[in-house]
C-alpha atoms as a PDB file:
ATOM      1  CA  MET A   1     109.603 100.331 130.286  1.00  0.00           C
ATOM      2  CA  ALA A   2     112.377  97.708 130.516  1.00  0.00           C
ATOM      3  CA  TYR A   3     112.842  95.262 127.658  1.00  0.00           C
ATOM      4  CA  ASN A   4     114.124  91.740 128.083  1.00  0.00           C
ATOM      5  CA  PHE A   5     116.465  91.687 125.092  1.00  0.00           C
ATOM      6  CA  SER A   6     117.571  88.167 125.882  1.00  0.00           C
ATOM      7  CA  SER A   7     113.970  86.970 125.603  1.00  0.00           C
ATOM      8  CA  ILE A   8     113.443  88.860 122.355  1.00  0.00           C
ATOM      9  CA  PHE A   9     116.655  87.417 120.907  1.00  0.00           C
ATOM     10  CA  ASN A  10     115.620  83.886 121.900  1.00  0.00           C
ATOM     11  CA  THR A  11     112.223  84.362 120.266  1.00  0.00           C
ATOM     12  CA  LEU A  12     113.860  85.485 117.017  1.00  0.00           C
ATOM     13  CA  GLN A  13     116.182  82.491 117.158  1.00  0.00           C
ATOM     14  CA  ILE A  14     113.222  80.141 117.591  1.00  0.00           C
ATOM     15  CA  LEU A  15     111.407  81.738 114.635  1.00  0.00           C
ATOM     16  CA  GLN A  16     114.468  81.378 112.426  1.00  0.00           C
ATOM     17  CA  TYR A  17     114.862  77.785 113.603  1.00  0.00           C
ATOM     18  CA  LEU A  18     111.268  77.031 112.610  1.00  0.00           C
ATOM     19  CA  VAL A  19     111.826  78.592 109.186  1.00  0.00           C
ATOM     20  CA  ASP A  20     114.991  76.514 108.688  1.00  0.00           C
ATOM     21  CA  ILE A  21     113.118  73.334 109.632  1.00  0.00           C
ATOM     22  CA  ASN A  22     110.319  74.227 107.204  1.00  0.00           C
ATOM     23  CA  ASN A  23     112.843  74.793 104.396  1.00  0.00           C
ATOM     24  CA  PHE A  24     114.570  71.495 105.199  1.00  0.00           C
ATOM     25  CA  LEU A  25     111.290  69.571 105.173  1.00  0.00           C
ATOM     26  CA  TYR A  26     110.287  71.349 101.959  1.00  0.00           C
ATOM     27  CA  LYS A  27     113.439  70.083 100.233  1.00  0.00           C
ATOM     28  CA  ILE A  28     112.892  66.544 101.498  1.00  0.00           C
ATOM     29  CA  VAL A  29     109.218  66.388 100.512  1.00  0.00           C
ATOM     30  CA  VAL A  30     109.655  68.113  97.169  1.00  0.00           C
ATOM     31  CA  CYS A  31     112.682  66.049  96.158  1.00  0.00           C
ATOM     32  CA  LYS A  32     110.957  62.877  97.293  1.00  0.00           C
ATOM     33  CA  LYS A  33     108.059  63.681  94.988  1.00  0.00           C
ATOM     34  CA  GLY A  34     110.512  64.277  92.177  1.00  0.00           C
ATOM     35  CA  VAL A  35     109.644  67.927  91.748  1.00  0.00           C
ATOM     36  CA  GLN A  36     113.203  69.222  91.888  1.00  0.00           C
ATOM     37  CA  VAL A  37     114.679  66.338  89.903  1.00  0.00           C
ATOM     38  CA  ASN A  38     115.816  67.279  86.400  1.00  0.00           C
ATOM     39  CA  LYS A  39     112.999  66.581  83.988  1.00  0.00           C
ATOM     40  CA  LYS A  40     112.470  66.748  80.276  1.00  0.00           C
ATOM     41  CA  GLN A  41     111.573  70.308  79.319  1.00  0.00           C
ATOM     42  CA  ILE A  42     108.034  71.158  78.289  1.00  0.00           C
ATOM     43  CA  ASP A  43     106.918  73.993  76.048  1.00  0.00           C
ATOM     44  CA  PHE A  44     104.973  76.728  77.776  1.00  0.00           C
ATOM     45  CA  GLU A  45     104.427  80.443  77.317  1.00  0.00           C
ATOM     46  CA  ILE A  46     103.769  83.178  79.868  1.00  0.00           C
ATOM     47  CA  ARG A  47     101.063  85.628  78.810  1.00  0.00           C
ATOM     48  CA  PRO A  48      99.560  88.649  80.578  1.00  0.00           C
ATOM     49  CA  ILE A  49      95.791  88.574  81.083  1.00  0.00           C
ATOM     50  CA  PHE A  50      94.173  92.005  80.938  1.00  0.00           C
ATOM     51  CA  GLN A  51      90.472  91.170  80.875  1.00  0.00           C
ATOM     52  CA  PRO A  52      88.892  89.406  83.872  1.00  0.00           C
ATOM     53  CA  SER A  53      86.181  86.901  83.084  1.00  0.00           C
ATOM     54  CA  ASP A  54      84.174  84.221  84.878  1.00  0.00           C
ATOM     55  CA  GLU A  55      85.927  81.552  82.804  1.00  0.00           C
ATOM     56  CA  ILE A  56      89.453  82.731  83.612  1.00  0.00           C
ATOM     57  CA  CYS A  57      88.675  83.132  87.314  1.00  0.00           C
ATOM     58  CA  LYS A  58      87.155  79.645  87.385  1.00  0.00           C
ATOM     59  CA  MET A  59      90.399  78.241  85.911  1.00  0.00           C
ATOM     60  CA  PHE A  60      92.415  80.131  88.510  1.00  0.00           C
ATOM     61  CA  ALA A  61      90.213  78.791  91.317  1.00  0.00           C
ATOM     62  CA  ASP A  62      90.495  75.198  90.060  1.00  0.00           C
ATOM     63  CA  ILE A  63      94.308  75.407  89.971  1.00  0.00           C
ATOM     64  CA  ASP A  64      94.358  77.096  93.374  1.00  0.00           C
ATOM     65  CA  ILE A  65      92.310  74.272  94.909  1.00  0.00           C
ATOM     66  CA  ALA A  66      94.308  71.575  93.078  1.00  0.00           C
ATOM     67  CA  CYS A  67      97.471  72.964  94.696  1.00  0.00           C
ATOM     68  CA  GLY A  68      95.958  72.494  98.141  1.00  0.00           C
ATOM     69  CA  SER A  69      95.683  76.115  99.213  1.00  0.00           C
ATOM     70  CA  SER A  70      92.140  75.400 100.402  1.00  0.00           C
ATOM     71  CA  ASP A  71      93.702  73.278 103.173  1.00  0.00           C
ATOM     72  CA  GLU A  72      94.928  76.510 104.759  1.00  0.00           C
ATOM     73  CA  PRO A  73      92.516  77.549 107.580  1.00  0.00           C
ATOM     74  CA  ASP A  74      92.022  81.109 106.310  1.00  0.00           C
ATOM     75  CA  LEU A  75      91.204  79.939 102.794  1.00  0.00           C
ATOM     76  CA  ARG A  76      89.073  76.899 103.512  1.00  0.00           C
ATOM     77  CA  LEU A  77      85.844  78.932 103.758  1.00  0.00           C
ATOM     78  CA  LEU A  78      86.575  80.645 100.433  1.00  0.00           C
ATOM     79  CA  CYS A  79      86.993  77.381  98.568  1.00  0.00           C
ATOM     80  CA  ARG A  80      83.428  77.172  97.271  1.00  0.00           C
ATOM     81  CA  ASN A  81      83.416  80.733  95.951  1.00  0.00           C
ATOM     82  CA  LEU A  82      87.086  81.143  95.136  1.00  0.00           C
ATOM     83  CA  ASP A  83      86.404  82.113  91.523  1.00  0.00           C
ATOM     84  CA  LYS A  84      84.170  84.968  92.706  1.00  0.00           C
ATOM     85  CA  GLU A  85      86.876  86.072  95.134  1.00  0.00           C
ATOM     86  CA  TYR A  86      89.417  86.335  92.308  1.00  0.00           C
ATOM     87  CA  LEU A  87      86.951  88.332  90.210  1.00  0.00           C
ATOM     88  CA  LYS A  88      86.171  90.619  93.167  1.00  0.00           C
ATOM     89  CA  ILE A  89      89.859  91.429  93.738  1.00  0.00           C
ATOM     90  CA  TRP A  90      90.358  91.988  90.011  1.00  0.00           C
ATOM     91  CA  ASN A  91      87.535  94.508  89.872  1.00  0.00           C
ATOM     92  CA  GLN A  92      88.162  96.331  93.161  1.00  0.00           C
ATOM     93  CA  GLU A  93      91.937  96.596  93.567  1.00  0.00           C
ATOM     94  CA  LYS A  94      94.153  99.035  91.658  1.00  0.00           C
ATOM     95  CA  ASN A  95      96.861  98.003  89.223  1.00  0.00           C
ATOM     96  CA  VAL A  96      96.023  94.309  89.388  1.00  0.00           C
ATOM     97  CA  PHE A  97      98.398  92.102  87.418  1.00  0.00           C
ATOM     98  CA  ALA A  98      97.713  88.606  86.124  1.00  0.00           C
ATOM     99  CA  PHE A  99     100.022  86.266  84.236  1.00  0.00           C
ATOM    100  CA  ALA A 100      99.204  82.734  83.127  1.00  0.00           C
ATOM    101  CA  ALA A 101     101.428  79.904  81.957  1.00  0.00           C
ATOM    102  CA  TYR A 102      99.995  78.266  78.846  1.00  0.00           C
ATOM    103  CA  LYS A 103     100.775  74.820  77.448  1.00  0.00           C
ATOM    104  CA  SER A 104      99.188  75.141  74.031  1.00  0.00           C
ATOM    105  CA  GLU A 105      95.869  76.744  75.076  1.00  0.00           C
ATOM    106  CA  GLU A 106      95.668  75.136  78.518  1.00  0.00           C
ATOM    107  CA  ILE A 107      96.425  77.240  81.605  1.00  0.00           C
ATOM    108  CA  ILE A 108      98.792  75.220  83.793  1.00  0.00           C
ATOM    109  CA  GLY A 109      99.792  77.944  86.234  1.00  0.00           C
ATOM    110  CA  PHE A 110      99.200  81.589  87.105  1.00  0.00           C
ATOM    111  CA  THR A 111     100.099  84.466  89.379  1.00  0.00           C
ATOM    112  CA  THR A 112      98.095  87.519  90.403  1.00  0.00           C
ATOM    113  CA  GLY A 113      98.709  90.564  92.573  1.00  0.00           C
ATOM    114  CA  PHE A 114      97.989  94.249  93.030  1.00  0.00           C
ATOM    115  CA  LEU A 115      99.630  97.532  93.982  1.00  0.00           C
ATOM    116  CA  ARG A 116      99.576  98.666  97.618  1.00  0.00           C
ATOM    117  CA  GLY A 117     101.255 102.033  97.990  1.00  0.00           C
ATOM    118  CA  LYS A 118     104.771 101.545  96.665  1.00  0.00           C
ATOM    119  CA  ASN A 119     104.692  97.761  96.979  1.00  0.00           C
ATOM    120  CA  ILE A 120     103.201  94.987  94.897  1.00  0.00           C
ATOM    121  CA  PHE A 121     101.351  92.346  96.908  1.00  0.00           C
ATOM    122  CA  THR A 122     101.275  88.909  95.277  1.00  0.00           C
ATOM    123  CA  ASN A 123      98.133  87.093  96.379  1.00  0.00           C
ATOM    124  CA  ALA A 124      98.536  83.945  94.250  1.00  0.00           C
ATOM    125  CA  LEU A 125     101.247  81.893  92.531  1.00  0.00           C
ATOM    126  CA  TYR A 126     100.240  78.359  91.625  1.00  0.00           C
ATOM    127  CA  VAL A 127     101.254  75.680  89.139  1.00  0.00           C
ATOM    128  CA  ILE A 128      99.256  72.491  88.568  1.00  0.00           C
ATOM    129  CA  PRO A 129     101.036  69.745  90.584  1.00  0.00           C
ATOM    130  CA  GLU A 130     101.845  67.566  87.561  1.00  0.00           C
ATOM    131  CA  TYR A 131     103.672  70.494  85.939  1.00  0.00           C
ATOM    132  CA  GLN A 132     105.669  71.562  88.972  1.00  0.00           C
ATOM    133  CA  GLY A 133     109.431  71.252  88.692  1.00  0.00           C
ATOM    134  CA  TYR A 134     109.727  72.584  85.140  1.00  0.00           C
ATOM    135  CA  GLY A 135     110.599  76.150  86.119  1.00  0.00           C
ATOM    136  CA  ILE A 136     107.090  77.446  85.440  1.00  0.00           C
ATOM    137  CA  GLY A 137     106.632  78.991  88.883  1.00  0.00           C
ATOM    138  CA  SER A 138     110.022  80.705  88.650  1.00  0.00           C
ATOM    139  CA  LYS A 139     109.197  82.089  85.214  1.00  0.00           C
ATOM    140  CA  LEU A 140     105.818  83.384  86.395  1.00  0.00           C
ATOM    141  CA  LEU A 141     107.403  85.053  89.414  1.00  0.00           C
ATOM    142  CA  ASN A 142     110.225  86.591  87.384  1.00  0.00           C
ATOM    143  CA  THR A 143     107.782  87.951  84.789  1.00  0.00           C
ATOM    144  CA  ALA A 144     105.620  89.510  87.512  1.00  0.00           C
ATOM    145  CA  GLU A 145     108.689  91.046  89.185  1.00  0.00           C
ATOM    146  CA  CYS A 146     109.932  92.614  85.928  1.00  0.00           C
ATOM    147  CA  ALA A 147     106.523  94.091  85.100  1.00  0.00           C
ATOM    148  CA  SER A 148     105.990  95.329  88.666  1.00  0.00           C
ATOM    149  CA  SER A 149     109.406  96.967  89.002  1.00  0.00           C
ATOM    150  CA  PHE A 150     108.270  99.896  86.859  1.00  0.00           C
ATOM    151  CA  VAL A 151     105.650 101.019  89.402  1.00  0.00           C
ATOM    152  CA  ALA A 152     106.736  99.421  92.689  1.00  0.00           C
ATOM    153  CA  GLN A 153     109.766  99.252  94.972  1.00  0.00           C
ATOM    154  CA  ASN A 154     109.154  95.857  96.581  1.00  0.00           C
ATOM    155  CA  MET A 155     107.214  92.677  96.022  1.00  0.00           C
ATOM    156  CA  GLU A 156     105.673  91.050  99.078  1.00  0.00           C
ATOM    157  CA  LEU A 157     103.558  87.982  99.841  1.00  0.00           C
ATOM    158  CA  PHE A 158     102.533  85.533 102.530  1.00  0.00           C
ATOM    159  CA  PRO A 159     103.868  82.123 101.417  1.00  0.00           C
ATOM    160  CA  LEU A 160     101.948  78.925 101.946  1.00  0.00           C
ATOM    161  CA  GLY A 161     103.523  76.182 104.010  1.00  0.00           C
ATOM    162  CA  GLY A 162     106.213  74.326 102.092  1.00  0.00           C
ATOM    163  CA  SER A 163     107.100  77.219  99.776  1.00  0.00           C
ATOM    164  CA  PHE A 164     109.509  79.128 102.049  1.00  0.00           C
ATOM    165  CA  GLY A 165     112.553  77.644 100.324  1.00  0.00           C
ATOM    166  CA  PHE A 166     111.254  78.539  96.871  1.00  0.00           C
ATOM    167  CA  TYR A 167     111.083  82.239  97.723  1.00  0.00           C
ATOM    168  CA  GLN A 168     114.217  82.283  99.861  1.00  0.00           C
ATOM    169  CA  ASN A 169     116.239  80.906  96.929  1.00  0.00           C
ATOM    170  CA  ARG A 170     114.945  83.796  94.819  1.00  0.00           C
ATOM    171  CA  GLY A 171     116.086  86.565  97.104  1.00  0.00           C
ATOM    172  CA  TYR A 172     113.050  87.054  99.347  1.00  0.00           C
ATOM    173  CA  LYS A 173     113.644  88.042 102.969  1.00  0.00           C
ATOM    174  CA  ASN A 174     111.560  87.168 106.030  1.00  0.00           C
ATOM    175  CA  VAL A 175     109.549  89.888 107.777  1.00  0.00           C
ATOM    176  CA  LEU A 176     107.420  89.031 110.811  1.00  0.00           C
ATOM    177  CA  VAL A 177     103.927  90.605 110.604  1.00  0.00           C
ATOM    178  CA  LEU A 178     101.369  89.892 113.340  1.00  0.00           C
ATOM    179  CA  GLY A 179     102.779  86.452 113.990  1.00  0.00           C
ATOM    180  CA  ARG A 180     103.023  85.515 110.301  1.00  0.00           C
ATOM    181  CA  ILE A 181     106.134  85.440 108.131  1.00  0.00           C
ATOM    182  CA  LYS A 182     105.876  87.666 105.083  1.00  0.00           C
ATOM    183  CA  LYS A 183     108.326  87.403 102.193  1.00  0.00           C
ATOM    184  CA  VAL A 184     109.670  90.699 100.803  1.00  0.00           C
ATOM    185  CA  LYS A 185     112.024  91.390  97.906  1.00  0.00           C
ATOM    186  CA  GLU A 186     113.407  94.683  96.614  1.00  0.00           C
ATOM    187  CA  LEU A 187     112.701  94.847  92.875  1.00  0.00           C
ATOM    188  CA  GLN A 188     115.459  95.601  90.388  1.00  0.00           C
ATOM    189  CA  LYS A 189     114.497  98.065  87.661  1.00  0.00           C
ATOM    190  CA  THR A 190     114.329  96.534  84.192  1.00  0.00           C
ATOM    191  CA  SER A 191     114.000  97.849  80.655  1.00  0.00           C
ATOM    192  CA  GLY A 192     112.232  96.604  77.544  1.00  0.00           C
ATOM    193  CA  VAL A 193     108.593  95.815  76.759  1.00  0.00           C
ATOM    194  CA  ILE A 194     106.330  95.359  79.783  1.00  0.00           C
ATOM    195  CA  PRO A 195     102.535  95.061  80.094  1.00  0.00           C
ATOM    196  CA  VAL A 196     100.528  97.784  81.826  1.00  0.00           C
ATOM    197  CA  PHE A 197      97.361  96.545  83.481  1.00  0.00           C
ATOM    198  CA  GLN A 198      96.167  99.969  84.580  1.00  0.00           C
ATOM    199  CA  TRP A 199      97.541 103.374  83.633  1.00  0.00           C
ATOM    200  CA  CYS A 200      98.588 105.412  86.674  1.00  0.00           C
ATOM    201  CA  PRO A 201      99.793 109.016  87.242  1.00  0.00           C
ATOM    202  CA  GLN A 202     103.485 108.144  87.730  1.00  0.00           C
ATOM    203  CA  MET A 203     103.531 106.632  84.245  1.00  0.00           C
ATOM    204  CA  GLN A 204     102.336 109.905  82.755  1.00  0.00           C
ATOM    205  CA  THR A 205     105.425 111.738  84.033  1.00  0.00           C
ATOM    206  CA  LYS A 206     107.692 109.201  82.288  1.00  0.00           C
ATOM    207  CA  LEU A 207     105.959 109.322  78.901  1.00  0.00           C
ATOM    208  CA  ASN A 208     108.320 110.367  76.081  1.00  0.00           C
ATOM    209  CA  VAL A 209     105.784 110.023  73.258  1.00  0.00           C
ATOM    210  CA  LYS A 210     102.609 111.829  72.267  1.00  0.00           C
ATOM    211  CA  PHE A 211      99.608 109.720  73.098  1.00  0.00           C
ATOM    212  CA  ASP A 212      95.986 110.262  74.075  1.00  0.00           C
ATOM    213  CA  THR A 213      96.095 109.461  77.780  1.00  0.00           C
ATOM    214  CA  ASP A 214      92.294 109.254  77.972  1.00  0.00           C
ATOM    215  CA  VAL A 215      92.595 106.170  75.781  1.00  0.00           C
ATOM    216  CA  LEU A 216      95.275 104.719  78.057  1.00  0.00           C
ATOM    217  CA  LYS A 217      93.066 105.152  81.131  1.00  0.00           C
ATOM    218  CA  GLN A 218      90.449 102.729  79.791  1.00  0.00           C
ATOM    219  CA  LYS A 219      90.338  99.628  81.974  1.00  0.00           C
ATOM    220  CA  TYR A 220      91.059  96.094  80.775  1.00  0.00           C
ATOM    221  CA  GLN A 221      92.572  97.123  77.427  1.00  0.00           C
ATOM    222  CA  PRO A 222      95.865  95.383  76.503  1.00  0.00           C
ATOM    223  CA  ILE A 223      98.598  98.008  76.913  1.00  0.00           C
ATOM    224  CA  PHE A 224     102.348  97.576  76.534  1.00  0.00           C
ATOM    225  CA  VAL A 225     105.081 100.161  77.043  1.00  0.00           C
ATOM    226  CA  TYR A 226     108.712 100.171  76.026  1.00  0.00           C
ATOM    227  CA  VAL A 227     110.829 101.306  79.006  1.00  0.00           C
ATOM    228  CA  ASN A 228     114.380 102.513  78.417  1.00  0.00           C
ATOM    229  CA  GLY A 229     117.347 102.224  80.787  1.00  0.00           C
ATOM    230  CA  GLN A 230     116.459 105.548  82.436  1.00  0.00           C
ATOM    231  CA  GLN A 231     112.956 104.238  83.252  1.00  0.00           C
ATOM    232  CA  GLN A 232     111.334 106.513  80.665  1.00  0.00           C
ATOM    233  CA  ILE A 233     108.597 105.323  78.296  1.00  0.00           C
ATOM    234  CA  ASP A 234     109.825 105.424  74.681  1.00  0.00           C
ATOM    235  CA  GLY A 235     106.872 103.584  73.201  1.00  0.00           C
ATOM    236  CA  VAL A 236     103.221 102.738  73.842  1.00  0.00           C
ATOM    237  CA  ALA A 237     100.918 100.210  72.207  1.00  0.00           C
ATOM    238  CA  ILE A 238      97.262  99.554  72.967  1.00  0.00           C
ATOM    239  CA  ARG A 239      94.571  97.356  71.456  1.00  0.00           C
ATOM    240  CA  MET A 240      91.506  99.516  71.037  1.00  0.00           C
ATOM    241  CA  GLN A 241      87.963  98.362  71.766  1.00  0.00           C
ATOM    242  CA  ASN A 242      87.369  98.076  68.003  1.00  0.00           C
ATOM    243  CA  GLY A 243      90.181  95.529  67.810  1.00  0.00           C
ATOM    244  CA  LYS A 244      92.679  97.812  66.086  1.00  0.00           C
ATOM    245  CA  ASN A 245      96.160  98.486  67.450  1.00  0.00           C
ATOM    246  CA  LYS A 246      97.439 101.984  68.182  1.00  0.00           C
ATOM    247  CA  VAL A 247     101.200 102.373  68.510  1.00  0.00           C
ATOM    248  CA  ALA A 248     103.412 105.421  69.149  1.00  0.00           C
ATOM    249  CA  VAL A 249     107.185 105.509  69.693  1.00  0.00           C
ATOM    250  CA  ASN A 250     109.891 108.061  70.379  1.00  0.00           C
ATOM    251  CA  THR A 251     111.337 108.872  66.948  1.00  0.00           C
ATOM    252  CA  GLY A 252     114.540 110.425  68.322  1.00  0.00           C
ATOM    253  CA  LYS A 253     116.614 107.414  67.229  1.00  0.00           C
ATOM    254  CA  LYS A 254     115.309 105.835  64.048  1.00  0.00           C
ATOM    255  CA  THR A 255     116.873 102.377  64.486  1.00  0.00           C
ATOM    256  CA  LEU A 256     115.748 102.123  68.101  1.00  0.00           C
ATOM    257  CA  SER A 257     112.249 103.404  67.310  1.00  0.00           C
ATOM    258  CA  GLU A 258     111.743 100.791  64.588  1.00  0.00           C
ATOM    259  CA  TYR A 259     112.893  98.028  66.935  1.00  0.00           C
ATOM    260  CA  CYS A 260     110.730  99.427  69.734  1.00  0.00           C
ATOM    261  CA  LYS A 261     107.640  99.545  67.510  1.00  0.00           C
ATOM    262  CA  GLN A 262     108.127  95.976  66.298  1.00  0.00           C
ATOM    263  CA  GLU A 263     108.561  94.681  69.839  1.00  0.00           C
ATOM    264  CA  LEU A 264     105.360  96.431  70.961  1.00  0.00           C
ATOM    265  CA  VAL A 265     103.384  95.048  68.010  1.00  0.00           C
ATOM    266  CA  ASN A 266     104.694  91.530  68.720  1.00  0.00           C
ATOM    267  CA  ALA A 267     103.665  91.830  72.372  1.00  0.00           C
ATOM    268  CA  LEU A 268     100.141  92.895  71.429  1.00  0.00           C
ATOM    269  CA  SER A 269      99.786  90.017  68.991  1.00  0.00           C
ATOM    270  CA  ARG A 270     100.585  87.501  71.769  1.00  0.00           C
ATOM    271  CA  SER A 271      98.295  89.054  74.379  1.00  0.00           C
ATOM    272  CA  LEU A 272      94.755  88.013  75.272  1.00  0.00           C
END
């Protein structure tokens, strides 16, 4: 079979041209709305959400719709039952993550995703329009990337129109999949305290502390691990169903173990 490489090259050039136009228009529209203009900082906190609920999923759906995702053809039909769709994904997919941006006790943005093989697929990243431009979306994305890097190699997503520039500026590359542009980024390994939304086998091989893994396998329990620079787990903390915390750390280095334990306890106290 003979390939017309000139035609293929021209097609790729056209696709890149369209992406560049989209990014240019994104900057014009966003700047015109004042989103990228320097604003007074607002106080917000990013928290992991371990337990799915009708209330949380309803909040997610409301923000999703407020951001205009329901204008996309493939999402328009889901608009009426979007909260149920979020709950369905949460219950059926493996290693689902969910982070929400809180201003006091109000959710003003969120991101969700799940593990697919060795990659994390982000299926939502939204911030209420009036709070866009404060770095909330960037903070949500960065938090999800750090937590995901322990179990995944890449993060991938299909961006909505107008958001190509946002992801491109954060190191995401374009990959053409069935006529759609997917954004993909290789995740850099990080250390420190990260949330675990579902215990998986590869975590067991990295565990440097004695802990009842049957307890860790319980779904929807807040779990945090302390990951060292060698990507080994030096500490584990979980909130039990009775409300009590269970914490275990590697006691090899006393100073580090005390710091590790305190960080894990602090993370549990801030979690939902």
